[in-house]
Amino acid sequence: MTKPVIEQQSGEPPADLKIDDLAVGEGAEAKPGDTVEVHYVGVEFDTGAEFDASWNRGKSIEFPLKGLIQGWQEGIPGMKVGGRRQLTIPPEKAYGAAGGRHRLSGKTLVFIIDLLGVR
């Protein structure tokens, strides 16, 4: 797989988590509480500006779902290894309302996630 490009979003951001499967995997299915290995790209919905990408570091990342933002905790389960999924996550399921402590507070975020492994 190669690093995905996230198209500039149009229209109003969704009020709730939006899940779009870009490619359905054939491997093990992620479940809530699993540890997942992923490659991902994240951009701001409004500007399309990339704020983070594991691809830029040249290696995937592994972590337990329960330690992630709510949008990932809800958006990755059901995904199968080998799949690619786009999550559009409103602020309430990302880093909270504007004025919060995180630089992405108040922003709707778009991620494309490649699921590489589950354990």
Protein backbone atom coordinates (compact mmCIF):
# COMPACT_ATOMS: atom_id res chain seq x y z
CA MET A 1 0.00 0.00 0.00
CA THR A 2 1.03 3.56 -0.54
CA LYS A 3 0.26 6.69 1.45
CA PRO A 4 -3.31 7.77 0.70
CA VAL A 5 -4.26 11.25 -0.39
CA ILE A 6 -7.30 12.70 1.35
CA GLU A 7 -9.41 14.77 -1.00
CA GLN A 8 -10.47 18.24 0.14
CA GLN A 9 -13.82 17.82 1.88
CA SER A 10 -16.85 19.81 0.78
CA GLY A 11 -20.11 20.79 2.41
CA GLU A 12 -20.83 20.87 6.10
CA PRO A 13 -18.91 18.54 8.42
CA PRO A 14 -20.99 15.61 9.69
CA ALA A 15 -22.58 15.92 13.13
CA ASP A 16 -21.60 12.35 14.02
CA LEU A 17 -18.84 9.89 13.21
CA LYS A 18 -18.84 8.98 9.50
CA ILE A 19 -17.26 5.65 8.46
CA ASP A 20 -16.43 4.85 4.83
CA ASP A 21 -14.70 1.62 3.83
CA LEU A 22 -12.36 2.37 0.91
CA ALA A 23 -11.10 -1.23 0.78
CA VAL A 24 -12.42 -4.18 2.76
CA GLY A 25 -9.74 -6.41 4.25
CA GLU A 26 -9.68 -10.21 4.32
CA GLY A 27 -7.88 -10.72 7.65
CA ALA A 28 -8.79 -10.73 11.33
CA GLU A 29 -11.47 -8.29 12.46
CA ALA A 30 -10.67 -5.56 14.98
CA LYS A 31 -12.79 -5.61 18.12
CA PRO A 32 -13.23 -2.98 20.85
CA GLY A 33 -10.28 -3.15 23.25
CA ASP A 34 -7.91 -4.80 20.75
CA THR A 35 -4.40 -3.57 20.09
CA VAL A 36 -4.11 -2.53 16.45
CA GLU A 37 -1.24 -1.88 14.06
CA VAL A 38 -2.08 0.85 11.56
CA HIS A 39 -0.76 3.29 9.01
CA TYR A 40 -2.76 6.52 8.88
CA VAL A 41 -3.03 10.04 7.54
CA GLY A 42 -4.99 12.77 9.32
CA VAL A 43 -6.19 16.10 7.90
CA GLU A 44 -8.41 18.93 9.08
CA PHE A 45 -11.87 18.78 7.47
CA ASP A 46 -12.07 22.55 6.85
CA THR A 47 -8.63 23.20 5.36
CA GLY A 48 -7.43 19.79 4.19
CA ALA A 49 -4.16 20.51 6.02
CA GLU A 50 -2.35 17.35 7.08
CA PHE A 51 -1.57 17.37 10.81
CA ASP A 52 -0.15 13.87 11.23
CA ALA A 53 0.74 10.75 9.24
CA SER A 54 2.51 7.57 10.28
CA TRP A 55 3.61 7.30 6.63
CA ASN A 56 5.84 10.37 7.11
CA ARG A 57 7.77 8.54 9.85
CA GLY A 58 8.29 5.55 7.56
CA LYS A 59 6.74 3.00 9.91
CA SER A 60 3.37 1.87 11.15
CA ILE A 61 2.25 2.39 14.73
CA GLU A 62 0.71 -0.04 17.20
CA PHE A 63 -1.49 0.88 20.16
CA PRO A 64 -4.49 -0.26 22.21
CA LEU A 65 -7.78 1.16 20.92
CA LYS A 66 -8.91 2.05 24.43
CA GLY A 67 -6.23 4.76 24.65
CA LEU A 68 -7.33 6.59 21.50
CA ILE A 69 -9.83 9.30 20.66
CA GLN A 70 -13.45 8.15 20.73
CA GLY A 71 -13.79 8.37 16.93
CA TRP A 72 -11.06 5.72 16.54
CA GLN A 73 -12.48 3.57 19.35
CA GLU A 74 -15.83 3.51 17.54
CA GLY A 75 -14.56 3.64 13.96
CA ILE A 76 -11.93 0.88 13.84
CA PRO A 77 -13.84 -2.10 15.33
CA GLY A 78 -15.42 -4.14 12.54
CA MET A 79 -12.55 -3.32 10.21
CA LYS A 80 -10.54 -6.29 8.87
CA VAL A 81 -6.76 -6.54 8.46
CA GLY A 82 -5.82 -5.41 4.97
CA GLY A 83 -8.64 -2.87 4.87
CA ARG A 84 -8.53 0.89 4.37
CA ARG A 85 -11.15 3.05 6.06
CA GLN A 86 -11.88 6.76 6.11
CA LEU A 87 -13.18 8.23 9.37
CA THR A 88 -14.65 11.73 9.54
CA ILE A 89 -14.71 12.62 13.22
CA PRO A 90 -16.55 15.59 14.77
CA PRO A 91 -14.83 17.50 17.60
CA GLU A 92 -16.87 15.76 20.34
CA LYS A 93 -15.35 12.41 19.30
CA ALA A 94 -11.89 13.82 18.62
CA TYR A 95 -10.23 16.43 20.85
CA GLY A 96 -13.28 18.23 22.21
CA ALA A 97 -14.79 21.66 21.73
CA ALA A 98 -12.87 24.75 20.62
CA GLY A 99 -10.85 26.29 23.43
CA GLY A 100 -9.64 22.93 24.72
CA ARG A 101 -6.00 22.22 25.53
CA HIS A 102 -5.25 20.31 22.31
CA ARG A 103 -4.26 22.18 19.13
CA LEU A 104 -6.98 20.25 17.25
CA SER A 105 -9.77 21.08 19.74
CA GLY A 106 -12.91 22.25 17.97
CA LYS A 107 -11.91 20.72 14.63
CA THR A 108 -13.55 17.99 12.57
CA LEU A 109 -10.83 15.53 11.54
CA VAL A 110 -10.55 13.16 8.59
CA PHE A 111 -8.36 10.06 8.81
CA ILE A 112 -7.58 7.33 6.32
CA ILE A 113 -6.49 4.26 8.26
CA ASP A 114 -4.90 1.07 6.92
CA LEU A 115 -5.34 -1.83 9.35
CA LEU A 116 -2.16 -3.95 9.29
CA GLY A 117 -2.62 -6.14 12.35
CA VAL A 118 -4.82 -6.95 15.34
CA ARG A 119 -4.02 -8.64 18.62
